[in-house]
Amino acid sequence: MKISDVASWPVQLGAAARHRRLFHPSGVLARGSLERTSPIGRGLPVYSCDVVGRLSKGVGTADSLPDIAGLAWRLPPQLSGTPWDVLLASTLAGNRFLLWPANSWAGITFSSLMPMRFEGTLWWLRARLNTQFDGSGLSLTSVNAQLERGGMEFDIEQSSISGEFEPLARLVLREKLPHGRDVSFDPVLHTAAGVRLVPDWLTDVRRVTYHRSRIGRSAE
């Protein structure tokens, strides 16, 4: 049995017990747009388009309690024929892969946690909220209120494995989608042509884990 199978079985059982995602079970889904600000051909092949995004709490703590914050968005199919799902999570400030619980939506640094290989270069992604956020704590209710007040804007940045972060795109979430609507984000199954997460062994763990999670909650 491979390590990916061993790691994924608890996720399937947990999702089955909760009848929803084991990780990031609580979230707000919204329509929005992504605008590329970096010159075409520089770095990852992100393109300007309408997107569906999700802000979530990793463990699902109640109300405004601290948690691992999640930010995900789906770009519609382009050259690859499949959508492109990008998933980021809150990390310790200045760190690319160390998960860290956030106390508030303001001031979070979201990271891809794993680099993406594209045309022979490894690229990291991060996002930072660029909107004055009135809500206190890490409450999803405050996210709903902020969307009603005009939306939330994020600066998306990229960095080569040895370089500094630079502007890549601007993400704006504007309109909350109806309660009960869901999207099964999967950054391994849904990716842009020529883009893949590395290292391969960890990508395989994530691939099987997301698959088991969907089976556990009957989403596949």
N, C-alpha and C. Protein backbone atom coordinates (compact mmCIF):
# COMPACT_ATOMS: atom_id res chain seq x y z
N MET A 1 0.84 -1.20 0.00
CA MET A 1 0.00 0.00 0.00
C MET A 1 0.88 1.25 0.00
N LYS A 2 0.58 2.20 -0.87
CA LYS A 2 1.38 3.41 -0.99
C LYS A 2 1.09 4.37 0.16
N ILE A 3 2.03 5.27 0.40
CA ILE A 3 1.87 6.25 1.47
C ILE A 3 0.65 7.14 1.23
N SER A 4 0.32 7.39 -0.04
CA SER A 4 -0.84 8.22 -0.36
C SER A 4 -2.13 7.54 0.09
N ASP A 5 -2.19 6.20 -0.01
CA ASP A 5 -3.37 5.47 0.43
C ASP A 5 -3.50 5.50 1.94
N VAL A 6 -2.38 5.31 2.64
CA VAL A 6 -2.38 5.33 4.09
C VAL A 6 -2.84 6.70 4.61
N ALA A 7 -2.33 7.77 3.99
CA ALA A 7 -2.65 9.12 4.43
C ALA A 7 -4.08 9.52 4.12
N SER A 8 -4.67 8.93 3.09
CA SER A 8 -5.98 9.39 2.62
C SER A 8 -7.16 8.71 3.29
N TRP A 9 -6.97 7.49 3.82
CA TRP A 9 -8.11 6.78 4.42
C TRP A 9 -8.75 7.55 5.57
N PRO A 10 -7.99 8.14 6.52
CA PRO A 10 -8.63 8.91 7.58
C PRO A 10 -9.45 10.09 7.05
N VAL A 11 -9.01 10.66 5.92
CA VAL A 11 -9.76 11.77 5.33
C VAL A 11 -11.11 11.29 4.83
N GLN A 12 -11.13 10.13 4.18
CA GLN A 12 -12.40 9.59 3.70
C GLN A 12 -13.33 9.28 4.86
N LEU A 13 -12.81 8.65 5.91
CA LEU A 13 -13.65 8.32 7.06
C LEU A 13 -14.16 9.58 7.77
N GLY A 14 -13.28 10.58 7.89
CA GLY A 14 -13.69 11.83 8.54
C GLY A 14 -14.75 12.56 7.75
N ALA A 15 -14.58 12.60 6.42
CA ALA A 15 -15.58 13.26 5.57
C ALA A 15 -16.91 12.54 5.62
N ALA A 16 -16.87 11.20 5.69
CA ALA A 16 -18.10 10.41 5.78
C ALA A 16 -18.81 10.69 7.10
N ALA A 17 -18.04 10.80 8.18
CA ALA A 17 -18.64 11.05 9.49
C ALA A 17 -19.26 12.44 9.58
N ARG A 18 -18.64 13.42 8.92
CA ARG A 18 -19.13 14.79 8.99
C ARG A 18 -20.12 15.11 7.87
N HIS A 19 -20.14 14.25 6.85
CA HIS A 19 -20.98 14.48 5.65
C HIS A 19 -20.60 15.78 4.95
N ARG A 20 -19.36 16.14 5.05
CA ARG A 20 -18.82 17.31 4.37
C ARG A 20 -17.31 17.19 4.39
N ARG A 21 -16.60 18.19 3.85
CA ARG A 21 -15.14 18.15 3.84
C ARG A 21 -14.60 17.96 5.25
N LEU A 22 -13.53 17.15 5.36
CA LEU A 22 -12.87 17.03 6.66
C LEU A 22 -12.08 18.30 6.95
N PHE A 23 -11.39 18.82 5.91
CA PHE A 23 -10.66 20.07 6.05
C PHE A 23 -11.39 21.18 5.28
N HIS A 24 -11.36 22.36 5.83
CA HIS A 24 -12.05 23.52 5.27
C HIS A 24 -13.53 23.21 5.01
N PRO A 25 -14.23 22.69 6.05
CA PRO A 25 -15.63 22.34 5.88
C PRO A 25 -16.56 23.55 5.80
N SER A 26 -16.15 24.65 6.44
CA SER A 26 -16.99 25.84 6.49
C SER A 26 -16.41 26.92 5.60
N GLY A 27 -17.24 27.46 4.71
CA GLY A 27 -16.73 28.47 3.79
C GLY A 27 -17.83 29.28 3.14
N VAL A 28 -17.41 30.32 2.46
CA VAL A 28 -18.31 31.20 1.71
C VAL A 28 -17.89 31.17 0.26
N LEU A 29 -18.82 30.83 -0.62
CA LEU A 29 -18.57 30.73 -2.05
C LEU A 29 -19.08 32.00 -2.72
N ALA A 30 -18.29 32.56 -3.64
CA ALA A 30 -18.66 33.84 -4.25
C ALA A 30 -18.20 33.91 -5.70
N ARG A 31 -18.94 34.69 -6.47
CA ARG A 31 -18.51 35.00 -7.84
C ARG A 31 -17.53 36.16 -7.80
N GLY A 32 -16.66 36.22 -8.79
CA GLY A 32 -15.72 37.31 -8.85
C GLY A 32 -14.98 37.33 -10.17
N SER A 33 -13.84 37.99 -10.17
CA SER A 33 -13.04 38.10 -11.39
C SER A 33 -11.56 38.11 -11.03
N LEU A 34 -10.76 37.66 -11.99
CA LEU A 34 -9.32 37.67 -11.86
C LEU A 34 -8.75 38.49 -13.02
N GLU A 35 -7.93 39.47 -12.69
CA GLU A 35 -7.32 40.32 -13.71
C GLU A 35 -5.80 40.17 -13.65
N ARG A 36 -5.21 39.68 -14.73
CA ARG A 36 -3.76 39.54 -14.77
C ARG A 36 -3.12 40.92 -14.86
N THR A 37 -2.13 41.18 -14.01
CA THR A 37 -1.43 42.47 -14.02
C THR A 37 0.02 42.32 -14.47
N SER A 38 0.53 41.10 -14.48
CA SER A 38 1.89 40.83 -14.95
C SER A 38 1.89 40.68 -16.47
N PRO A 39 2.97 41.05 -17.15
CA PRO A 39 3.04 40.88 -18.60
C PRO A 39 2.81 39.42 -19.00
N ILE A 40 2.10 39.20 -20.08
CA ILE A 40 1.87 37.86 -20.59
C ILE A 40 3.21 37.19 -20.89
N GLY A 41 3.34 35.95 -20.47
CA GLY A 41 4.58 35.22 -20.70
C GLY A 41 5.53 35.26 -19.53
N ARG A 42 5.24 36.10 -18.54
CA ARG A 42 6.08 36.18 -17.35
C ARG A 42 5.49 35.29 -16.27
N GLY A 43 6.13 34.16 -15.99
CA GLY A 43 5.69 33.31 -14.90
C GLY A 43 4.52 32.41 -15.26
N LEU A 44 3.68 32.16 -14.29
CA LEU A 44 2.56 31.23 -14.45
C LEU A 44 1.55 31.75 -15.47
N PRO A 45 0.87 30.84 -16.20
CA PRO A 45 -0.05 31.24 -17.27
C PRO A 45 -1.44 31.64 -16.77
N VAL A 46 -1.48 32.47 -15.74
CA VAL A 46 -2.75 32.99 -15.22
C VAL A 46 -3.37 33.92 -16.25
N TYR A 47 -4.68 33.84 -16.44
CA TYR A 47 -5.35 34.67 -17.44
C TYR A 47 -6.53 35.41 -16.82
N SER A 48 -6.86 36.57 -17.37
CA SER A 48 -7.98 37.36 -16.88
C SER A 48 -9.29 36.67 -17.24
N CYS A 49 -10.19 36.55 -16.26
CA CYS A 49 -11.45 35.85 -16.48
C CYS A 49 -12.36 36.00 -15.27
N ASP A 50 -13.60 35.56 -15.42
CA ASP A 50 -14.50 35.45 -14.28
C ASP A 50 -14.15 34.18 -13.52
N VAL A 51 -14.30 34.21 -12.20
CA VAL A 51 -13.94 33.05 -11.38
C VAL A 51 -15.03 32.80 -10.33
N VAL A 52 -14.95 31.62 -9.74
CA VAL A 52 -15.69 31.30 -8.53
C VAL A 52 -14.66 31.13 -7.43
N GLY A 53 -14.84 31.83 -6.30
CA GLY A 53 -13.86 31.76 -5.22
C GLY A 53 -14.50 31.30 -3.92
N ARG A 54 -13.66 30.90 -2.99
CA ARG A 54 -14.15 30.43 -1.69
C ARG A 54 -13.18 30.84 -0.59
N LEU A 55 -13.72 31.43 0.47
CA LEU A 55 -12.97 31.70 1.69
C LEU A 55 -13.47 30.71 2.75
N SER A 56 -12.54 30.11 3.49
CA SER A 56 -12.95 29.02 4.37
C SER A 56 -12.10 28.98 5.64
N LYS A 57 -12.56 28.14 6.57
CA LYS A 57 -11.84 27.88 7.81
C LYS A 57 -11.40 26.43 7.80
N GLY A 58 -10.12 26.18 8.01
CA GLY A 58 -9.55 24.86 7.81
C GLY A 58 -10.11 23.77 8.70
N VAL A 59 -10.22 24.04 9.98
CA VAL A 59 -10.76 23.05 10.91
C VAL A 59 -12.26 23.22 11.07
N GLY A 60 -12.72 24.44 10.86
CA GLY A 60 -14.14 24.72 11.03
C GLY A 60 -14.49 25.20 12.41
N THR A 61 -13.57 25.95 13.06
CA THR A 61 -13.84 26.47 14.40
C THR A 61 -15.05 27.40 14.37
N ALA A 62 -15.70 27.52 15.51
CA ALA A 62 -16.95 28.27 15.59
C ALA A 62 -16.72 29.78 15.55
N ASP A 63 -17.71 30.46 14.99
CA ASP A 63 -17.78 31.93 15.02
C ASP A 63 -16.47 32.57 14.57
N SER A 64 -15.91 33.44 15.45
CA SER A 64 -14.73 34.20 15.05
C SER A 64 -13.42 33.64 15.60
N LEU A 65 -13.46 32.39 16.09
CA LEU A 65 -12.26 31.79 16.67
C LEU A 65 -11.18 31.60 15.61
N PRO A 66 -9.90 31.66 16.01
CA PRO A 66 -8.79 31.48 15.05
C PRO A 66 -8.85 30.12 14.36
N ASP A 67 -8.28 30.06 13.16
CA ASP A 67 -8.28 28.83 12.38
C ASP A 67 -7.30 29.01 11.22
N ILE A 68 -6.99 27.92 10.53
CA ILE A 68 -6.24 28.02 9.28
C ILE A 68 -7.21 28.58 8.24
N ALA A 69 -6.89 29.72 7.68
CA ALA A 69 -7.77 30.35 6.69
C ALA A 69 -7.44 29.84 5.30
N GLY A 70 -8.48 29.63 4.49
CA GLY A 70 -8.28 29.15 3.13
C GLY A 70 -8.83 30.10 2.09
N LEU A 71 -8.15 30.20 0.98
CA LEU A 71 -8.62 30.98 -0.17
C LEU A 71 -8.45 30.12 -1.41
N ALA A 72 -9.53 29.91 -2.14
CA ALA A 72 -9.48 29.11 -3.36
C ALA A 72 -10.24 29.82 -4.46
N TRP A 73 -9.81 29.58 -5.70
CA TRP A 73 -10.60 30.08 -6.82
C TRP A 73 -10.44 29.14 -8.01
N ARG A 74 -11.47 29.13 -8.86
CA ARG A 74 -11.48 28.29 -10.05
C ARG A 74 -11.55 29.16 -11.30
N LEU A 75 -10.54 28.98 -12.18
CA LEU A 75 -10.55 29.62 -13.48
C LEU A 75 -11.24 28.68 -14.47
N PRO A 76 -12.06 29.19 -15.37
CA PRO A 76 -12.74 28.32 -16.34
C PRO A 76 -11.75 27.69 -17.32
N PRO A 77 -12.16 26.61 -17.98
CA PRO A 77 -11.26 25.93 -18.93
C PRO A 77 -10.75 26.87 -20.01
N GLN A 78 -9.50 26.67 -20.36
CA GLN A 78 -8.93 27.42 -21.49
C GLN A 78 -8.26 26.42 -22.43
N LEU A 79 -6.96 26.37 -22.46
CA LEU A 79 -6.28 25.45 -23.38
C LEU A 79 -6.35 23.99 -22.93
N SER A 80 -6.39 23.76 -21.63
CA SER A 80 -6.30 22.39 -21.13
C SER A 80 -7.62 21.63 -21.23
N GLY A 81 -8.72 22.31 -21.39
CA GLY A 81 -10.02 21.66 -21.44
C GLY A 81 -10.60 21.38 -20.07
N THR A 82 -9.87 21.69 -19.02
CA THR A 82 -10.36 21.53 -17.66
C THR A 82 -10.24 22.86 -16.93
N PRO A 83 -11.01 23.06 -15.86
CA PRO A 83 -10.82 24.29 -15.07
C PRO A 83 -9.48 24.24 -14.35
N TRP A 84 -9.07 25.35 -13.81
CA TRP A 84 -7.83 25.43 -13.04
C TRP A 84 -8.18 25.88 -11.63
N ASP A 85 -7.97 24.99 -10.67
CA ASP A 85 -8.25 25.29 -9.28
C ASP A 85 -6.96 25.68 -8.57
N VAL A 86 -6.99 26.83 -7.89
CA VAL A 86 -5.86 27.30 -7.11
C VAL A 86 -6.29 27.35 -5.65
N LEU A 87 -5.55 26.69 -4.78
CA LEU A 87 -5.87 26.65 -3.36
C LEU A 87 -4.70 27.19 -2.55
N LEU A 88 -5.00 28.14 -1.67
CA LEU A 88 -4.00 28.75 -0.80
C LEU A 88 -4.47 28.64 0.65
N ALA A 89 -3.53 28.70 1.58
CA ALA A 89 -3.87 28.65 3.01
C ALA A 89 -2.99 29.62 3.78
N SER A 90 -3.47 30.01 4.96
CA SER A 90 -2.73 30.99 5.77
C SER A 90 -1.45 30.37 6.32
N THR A 91 -0.39 31.14 6.24
CA THR A 91 0.92 30.70 6.72
C THR A 91 1.50 31.74 7.65
N LEU A 92 2.54 31.32 8.36
CA LEU A 92 3.29 32.24 9.19
C LEU A 92 3.85 33.35 8.31
N ALA A 93 3.77 34.58 8.76
CA ALA A 93 4.21 35.71 7.96
C ALA A 93 5.63 35.50 7.45
N GLY A 94 5.82 35.69 6.13
CA GLY A 94 7.12 35.54 5.53
C GLY A 94 7.51 34.11 5.22
N ASN A 95 6.61 33.15 5.50
CA ASN A 95 6.90 31.75 5.25
C ASN A 95 6.03 31.22 4.13
N ARG A 96 6.57 30.32 3.31
CA ARG A 96 5.83 29.83 2.14
C ARG A 96 5.08 28.53 2.40
N PHE A 97 5.46 27.79 3.44
CA PHE A 97 4.86 26.46 3.60
C PHE A 97 4.45 26.11 5.02
N LEU A 98 4.70 26.96 6.01
CA LEU A 98 4.34 26.65 7.39
C LEU A 98 2.94 27.17 7.69
N LEU A 99 1.97 26.25 7.75
CA LEU A 99 0.59 26.63 8.06
C LEU A 99 0.52 27.34 9.40
N TRP A 100 -0.36 28.36 9.46
CA TRP A 100 -0.46 29.14 10.69
C TRP A 100 -1.89 29.63 10.86
N PRO A 101 -2.49 29.46 12.07
CA PRO A 101 -3.86 29.93 12.28
C PRO A 101 -3.93 31.46 12.27
N ALA A 102 -4.98 31.98 11.68
CA ALA A 102 -5.17 33.43 11.59
C ALA A 102 -6.19 33.87 12.64
N ASN A 103 -5.99 35.06 13.19
CA ASN A 103 -6.91 35.63 14.17
C ASN A 103 -7.95 36.52 13.52
N SER A 104 -7.67 36.98 12.31
CA SER A 104 -8.55 37.91 11.61
C SER A 104 -8.30 37.77 10.11
N TRP A 105 -9.31 38.13 9.30
CA TRP A 105 -9.14 38.10 7.85
C TRP A 105 -8.16 39.17 7.39
N ALA A 106 -8.06 40.24 8.13
CA ALA A 106 -7.12 41.30 7.77
C ALA A 106 -5.69 40.87 8.09
N GLY A 107 -4.77 41.13 7.17
CA GLY A 107 -3.36 40.87 7.41
C GLY A 107 -2.91 39.45 7.15
N ILE A 108 -3.77 38.59 6.60
CA ILE A 108 -3.37 37.21 6.33
C ILE A 108 -2.47 37.14 5.10
N THR A 109 -1.46 36.29 5.17
CA THR A 109 -0.70 35.91 3.99
C THR A 109 -1.11 34.49 3.62
N PHE A 110 -1.69 34.32 2.42
CA PHE A 110 -2.08 33.01 1.93
C PHE A 110 -0.98 32.50 1.00
N SER A 111 -0.65 31.21 1.12
CA SER A 111 0.40 30.63 0.29
C SER A 111 -0.09 29.35 -0.38
N SER A 112 0.51 29.03 -1.53
CA SER A 112 0.18 27.79 -2.22
C SER A 112 0.75 26.57 -1.50
N LEU A 113 1.65 26.77 -0.55
CA LEU A 113 2.27 25.72 0.26
C LEU A 113 3.20 24.81 -0.54
N MET A 114 2.90 24.59 -1.80
CA MET A 114 3.75 23.80 -2.70
C MET A 114 4.02 24.64 -3.94
N PRO A 115 5.23 24.55 -4.51
CA PRO A 115 5.50 25.28 -5.75
C PRO A 115 4.88 24.58 -6.95
N MET A 116 4.72 25.33 -8.05
CA MET A 116 4.18 24.79 -9.29
C MET A 116 5.27 24.86 -10.36
N ARG A 117 5.46 23.75 -11.06
CA ARG A 117 6.44 23.72 -12.13
C ARG A 117 5.77 24.12 -13.44
N PHE A 118 6.37 25.08 -14.13
CA PHE A 118 5.86 25.51 -15.44
C PHE A 118 7.03 25.90 -16.31
N GLU A 119 7.15 25.24 -17.44
CA GLU A 119 8.22 25.49 -18.42
C GLU A 119 9.60 25.47 -17.76
N GLY A 120 9.80 24.47 -16.90
CA GLY A 120 11.11 24.25 -16.29
C GLY A 120 11.45 25.09 -15.09
N THR A 121 10.53 25.96 -14.66
CA THR A 121 10.77 26.83 -13.50
C THR A 121 9.73 26.56 -12.42
N LEU A 122 10.17 26.61 -11.17
CA LEU A 122 9.26 26.44 -10.05
C LEU A 122 8.76 27.81 -9.59
N TRP A 123 7.44 27.91 -9.40
CA TRP A 123 6.81 29.16 -8.99
C TRP A 123 5.95 28.96 -7.75
N TRP A 124 6.06 29.91 -6.83
CA TRP A 124 5.19 29.94 -5.66
C TRP A 124 4.11 31.00 -5.88
N LEU A 125 2.96 30.78 -5.28
CA LEU A 125 1.89 31.78 -5.29
C LEU A 125 1.57 32.22 -3.87
N ARG A 126 1.23 33.50 -3.72
CA ARG A 126 0.69 33.96 -2.45
C ARG A 126 -0.34 35.03 -2.73
N ALA A 127 -1.18 35.29 -1.73
CA ALA A 127 -2.23 36.30 -1.85
C ALA A 127 -2.34 37.07 -0.55
N ARG A 128 -2.67 38.35 -0.68
CA ARG A 128 -2.88 39.19 0.50
C ARG A 128 -4.10 40.07 0.28
N LEU A 129 -4.93 40.16 1.31
CA LEU A 129 -6.15 40.95 1.23
C LEU A 129 -5.80 42.43 1.08
N ASN A 130 -6.43 43.08 0.11
CA ASN A 130 -6.15 44.49 -0.17
C ASN A 130 -7.40 45.33 0.03
N THR A 131 -8.23 44.92 0.97
CA THR A 131 -9.48 45.62 1.26
C THR A 131 -9.54 45.90 2.75
N GLN A 132 -9.96 47.11 3.11
CA GLN A 132 -10.16 47.43 4.52
C GLN A 132 -11.28 46.57 5.06
N PHE A 133 -10.95 45.69 6.00
CA PHE A 133 -11.91 44.72 6.49
C PHE A 133 -12.46 45.18 7.83
N ASP A 134 -13.80 45.32 7.89
CA ASP A 134 -14.43 45.84 9.10
C ASP A 134 -14.68 44.77 10.15
N GLY A 135 -14.79 43.51 9.72
CA GLY A 135 -15.11 42.44 10.67
C GLY A 135 -13.94 42.09 11.56
N SER A 136 -14.21 41.74 12.82
CA SER A 136 -13.17 41.32 13.75
C SER A 136 -13.18 39.80 13.85
N GLY A 137 -12.02 39.22 14.14
CA GLY A 137 -11.94 37.79 14.25
C GLY A 137 -12.05 37.10 12.89
N LEU A 138 -11.99 35.78 12.92
CA LEU A 138 -12.05 35.01 11.69
C LEU A 138 -13.47 34.44 11.52
N SER A 139 -14.42 35.34 11.36
CA SER A 139 -15.82 34.95 11.24
C SER A 139 -16.25 34.92 9.78
N LEU A 140 -16.95 33.85 9.37
CA LEU A 140 -17.49 33.78 8.02
C LEU A 140 -18.68 34.72 7.85
N THR A 141 -19.33 35.03 8.95
CA THR A 141 -20.42 36.01 8.91
C THR A 141 -19.89 37.37 8.48
N SER A 142 -18.70 37.72 8.95
CA SER A 142 -18.11 39.00 8.56
C SER A 142 -17.69 39.00 7.09
N VAL A 143 -17.34 37.83 6.56
CA VAL A 143 -17.04 37.71 5.13
C VAL A 143 -18.30 37.98 4.31
N ASN A 144 -19.42 37.39 4.73
CA ASN A 144 -20.70 37.64 4.06
C ASN A 144 -21.04 39.13 4.07
N ALA A 145 -20.83 39.77 5.21
CA ALA A 145 -21.14 41.19 5.34
C ALA A 145 -20.25 42.03 4.44
N GLN A 146 -18.96 41.66 4.35
CA GLN A 146 -18.04 42.40 3.50
C GLN A 146 -18.40 42.26 2.03
N LEU A 147 -18.85 41.10 1.61
CA LEU A 147 -19.28 40.91 0.23
C LEU A 147 -20.50 41.78 -0.08
N GLU A 148 -21.40 41.90 0.88
CA GLU A 148 -22.57 42.75 0.69
C GLU A 148 -22.20 44.22 0.62
N ARG A 149 -21.10 44.60 1.28
CA ARG A 149 -20.68 46.01 1.30
C ARG A 149 -19.89 46.40 0.06
N GLY A 150 -19.55 45.45 -0.80
CA GLY A 150 -18.81 45.83 -2.00
C GLY A 150 -17.75 44.84 -2.43
N GLY A 151 -17.52 43.80 -1.64
CA GLY A 151 -16.61 42.77 -2.07
C GLY A 151 -15.26 42.79 -1.38
N MET A 152 -14.41 41.87 -1.80
CA MET A 152 -13.08 41.72 -1.23
C MET A 152 -12.06 41.60 -2.36
N GLU A 153 -10.97 42.33 -2.24
CA GLU A 153 -9.93 42.34 -3.27
C GLU A 153 -8.63 41.79 -2.71
N PHE A 154 -7.97 40.94 -3.51
CA PHE A 154 -6.71 40.32 -3.10
C PHE A 154 -5.63 40.61 -4.15
N ASP A 155 -4.43 40.89 -3.67
CA ASP A 155 -3.27 40.98 -4.56
C ASP A 155 -2.65 39.60 -4.66
N ILE A 156 -2.55 39.07 -5.88
CA ILE A 156 -1.95 37.76 -6.11
C ILE A 156 -0.53 37.98 -6.62
N GLU A 157 0.43 37.32 -5.99
CA GLU A 157 1.83 37.48 -6.36
C GLU A 157 2.47 36.12 -6.64
N GLN A 158 3.52 36.13 -7.45
CA GLN A 158 4.26 34.92 -7.77
C GLN A 158 5.75 35.14 -7.51
N SER A 159 6.44 34.05 -7.27
CA SER A 159 7.89 34.12 -7.05
C SER A 159 8.53 32.86 -7.60
N SER A 160 9.62 33.02 -8.33
CA SER A 160 10.39 31.86 -8.72
C SER A 160 11.05 31.29 -7.47
N ILE A 161 11.56 30.09 -7.57
CA ILE A 161 12.07 29.40 -6.39
C ILE A 161 13.17 30.18 -5.68
N SER A 162 13.91 30.99 -6.42
CA SER A 162 15.02 31.73 -5.82
C SER A 162 14.83 33.25 -5.87
N GLY A 163 13.65 33.69 -6.33
CA GLY A 163 13.44 35.13 -6.51
C GLY A 163 12.53 35.74 -5.45
N GLU A 164 12.24 37.01 -5.66
CA GLU A 164 11.33 37.74 -4.78
C GLU A 164 9.92 37.70 -5.36
N PHE A 165 8.93 37.89 -4.51
CA PHE A 165 7.55 37.93 -4.98
C PHE A 165 7.31 39.19 -5.80
N GLU A 166 6.51 39.02 -6.85
CA GLU A 166 6.19 40.12 -7.75
C GLU A 166 4.70 40.06 -8.11
N PRO A 167 4.08 41.18 -8.48
CA PRO A 167 2.65 41.18 -8.81
C PRO A 167 2.34 40.24 -9.97
N LEU A 168 1.24 39.51 -9.84
CA LEU A 168 0.78 38.61 -10.90
C LEU A 168 -0.64 38.95 -11.34
N ALA A 169 -1.54 39.15 -10.37
CA ALA A 169 -2.94 39.36 -10.72
C ALA A 169 -3.69 40.01 -9.57
N ARG A 170 -4.91 40.41 -9.86
CA ARG A 170 -5.79 40.98 -8.85
C ARG A 170 -7.08 40.15 -8.83
N LEU A 171 -7.41 39.62 -7.66
CA LEU A 171 -8.62 38.82 -7.49
C LEU A 171 -9.66 39.62 -6.73
N VAL A 172 -10.87 39.69 -7.27
CA VAL A 172 -11.96 40.40 -6.60
C VAL A 172 -13.14 39.45 -6.47
N LEU A 173 -13.61 39.25 -5.24
CA LEU A 173 -14.82 38.48 -4.98
C LEU A 173 -15.94 39.46 -4.66
N ARG A 174 -17.06 39.34 -5.38
CA ARG A 174 -18.09 40.38 -5.29
C ARG A 174 -19.45 39.90 -4.79
N GLU A 175 -19.88 38.71 -5.22
CA GLU A 175 -21.26 38.29 -5.00
C GLU A 175 -21.32 36.89 -4.40
N LYS A 176 -21.91 36.77 -3.21
CA LYS A 176 -22.04 35.47 -2.57
C LYS A 176 -22.99 34.59 -3.37
N LEU A 177 -22.60 33.33 -3.55
CA LEU A 177 -23.47 32.36 -4.22
C LEU A 177 -24.45 31.77 -3.21
N PRO A 178 -25.59 31.27 -3.67
CA PRO A 178 -26.62 30.77 -2.76
C PRO A 178 -26.11 29.70 -1.81
N HIS A 179 -26.67 29.67 -0.61
CA HIS A 179 -26.31 28.67 0.39
C HIS A 179 -26.64 27.28 -0.16
N GLY A 180 -25.73 26.35 0.04
CA GLY A 180 -25.94 25.00 -0.47
C GLY A 180 -25.20 24.73 -1.76
N ARG A 181 -24.82 25.78 -2.47
CA ARG A 181 -24.01 25.62 -3.68
C ARG A 181 -22.59 25.24 -3.26
N ASP A 182 -21.97 24.32 -3.98
CA ASP A 182 -20.63 23.90 -3.60
C ASP A 182 -19.79 23.64 -4.85
N VAL A 183 -18.49 23.73 -4.69
CA VAL A 183 -17.53 23.43 -5.74
C VAL A 183 -16.47 22.52 -5.12
N SER A 184 -16.20 21.38 -5.74
CA SER A 184 -15.17 20.47 -5.25
C SER A 184 -13.82 20.87 -5.85
N PHE A 185 -13.17 21.83 -5.20
CA PHE A 185 -11.87 22.29 -5.67
C PHE A 185 -10.84 21.17 -5.55
N ASP A 186 -10.01 21.02 -6.56
CA ASP A 186 -8.97 20.00 -6.55
C ASP A 186 -7.79 20.52 -7.37
N PRO A 187 -6.70 20.96 -6.71
CA PRO A 187 -5.57 21.57 -7.42
C PRO A 187 -4.70 20.58 -8.17
N VAL A 188 -4.94 19.27 -7.97
CA VAL A 188 -4.17 18.25 -8.69
C VAL A 188 -4.93 17.81 -9.93
N LEU A 189 -6.23 17.55 -9.76
CA LEU A 189 -7.06 17.11 -10.88
C LEU A 189 -7.33 18.23 -11.87
N HIS A 190 -7.50 19.46 -11.36
CA HIS A 190 -7.85 20.61 -12.19
C HIS A 190 -6.67 21.58 -12.22
N THR A 191 -5.94 21.57 -13.30
CA THR A 191 -4.78 22.45 -13.41
C THR A 191 -4.62 22.94 -14.85
N ALA A 192 -3.85 23.99 -15.03
CA ALA A 192 -3.64 24.54 -16.36
C ALA A 192 -2.66 23.65 -17.13
N ALA A 193 -2.73 23.73 -18.45
CA ALA A 193 -1.83 22.95 -19.31
C ALA A 193 -0.38 23.31 -18.99
N GLY A 194 0.42 22.27 -18.73
CA GLY A 194 1.85 22.49 -18.49
C GLY A 194 2.19 22.86 -17.06
N VAL A 195 1.18 22.96 -16.18
CA VAL A 195 1.42 23.33 -14.79
C VAL A 195 1.18 22.12 -13.89
N ARG A 196 2.11 21.85 -12.98
CA ARG A 196 1.88 20.76 -12.02
C ARG A 196 2.57 21.09 -10.69
N LEU A 197 1.95 20.62 -9.62
CA LEU A 197 2.50 20.80 -8.29
C LEU A 197 3.68 19.87 -8.08
N VAL A 198 4.65 20.30 -7.30
CA VAL A 198 5.79 19.46 -6.94
C VAL A 198 6.05 19.62 -5.44
N PRO A 199 6.67 18.60 -4.79
CA PRO A 199 7.23 17.38 -5.35
C PRO A 199 6.17 16.35 -5.72
N ASP A 200 6.52 15.40 -6.57
CA ASP A 200 5.56 14.43 -7.08
C ASP A 200 4.94 13.57 -5.98
N TRP A 201 5.73 13.15 -4.98
CA TRP A 201 5.19 12.27 -3.94
C TRP A 201 4.10 12.97 -3.13
N LEU A 202 4.30 14.27 -2.85
CA LEU A 202 3.30 15.00 -2.09
C LEU A 202 2.08 15.31 -2.95
N THR A 203 2.31 15.54 -4.23
CA THR A 203 1.19 15.73 -5.15
C THR A 203 0.33 14.49 -5.20
N ASP A 204 0.95 13.31 -5.19
CA ASP A 204 0.21 12.05 -5.21
C ASP A 204 -0.61 11.90 -3.94
N VAL A 205 -0.05 12.28 -2.79
CA VAL A 205 -0.80 12.24 -1.54
C VAL A 205 -2.03 13.14 -1.62
N ARG A 206 -1.86 14.34 -2.13
CA ARG A 206 -2.98 15.26 -2.24
C ARG A 206 -4.03 14.76 -3.23
N ARG A 207 -3.56 14.16 -4.33
CA ARG A 207 -4.50 13.64 -5.33
C ARG A 207 -5.43 12.60 -4.72
N VAL A 208 -4.84 11.63 -4.02
CA VAL A 208 -5.65 10.57 -3.42
C VAL A 208 -6.50 11.11 -2.27
N THR A 209 -5.96 12.05 -1.50
CA THR A 209 -6.69 12.62 -0.37
C THR A 209 -7.94 13.35 -0.83
N TYR A 210 -7.83 14.19 -1.87
CA TYR A 210 -8.99 14.90 -2.38
C TYR A 210 -10.02 13.90 -2.93
N HIS A 211 -9.54 12.86 -3.59
CA HIS A 211 -10.43 11.83 -4.13
C HIS A 211 -11.19 11.13 -3.00
N ARG A 212 -10.48 10.74 -1.95
CA ARG A 212 -11.11 10.07 -0.81
C ARG A 212 -12.11 10.99 -0.11
N SER A 213 -11.77 12.26 -0.01
CA SER A 213 -12.68 13.22 0.61
C SER A 213 -14.00 13.31 -0.14
N ARG A 214 -13.91 13.33 -1.48
CA ARG A 214 -15.15 13.40 -2.28
C ARG A 214 -15.98 12.13 -2.11
N ILE A 215 -15.30 10.97 -2.05
CA ILE A 215 -16.01 9.72 -1.83
C ILE A 215 -16.69 9.72 -0.46
N GLY A 216 -15.97 10.17 0.54
CA GLY A 216 -16.48 10.18 1.91
C GLY A 216 -17.74 11.01 2.09
N ARG A 217 -17.81 12.13 1.37
CA ARG A 217 -18.99 12.99 1.52
C ARG A 217 -19.95 12.83 0.34
N SER A 218 -19.74 11.77 -0.44
CA SER A 218 -20.63 11.45 -1.57
C SER A 218 -20.68 12.58 -2.59
N ALA A 219 -19.54 13.19 -2.84
CA ALA A 219 -19.46 14.26 -3.83
C ALA A 219 -18.87 13.74 -5.14
N GLU A 220 -18.68 12.44 -5.23
CA GLU A 220 -18.12 11.84 -6.45
C GLU A 220 -18.79 10.51 -6.71
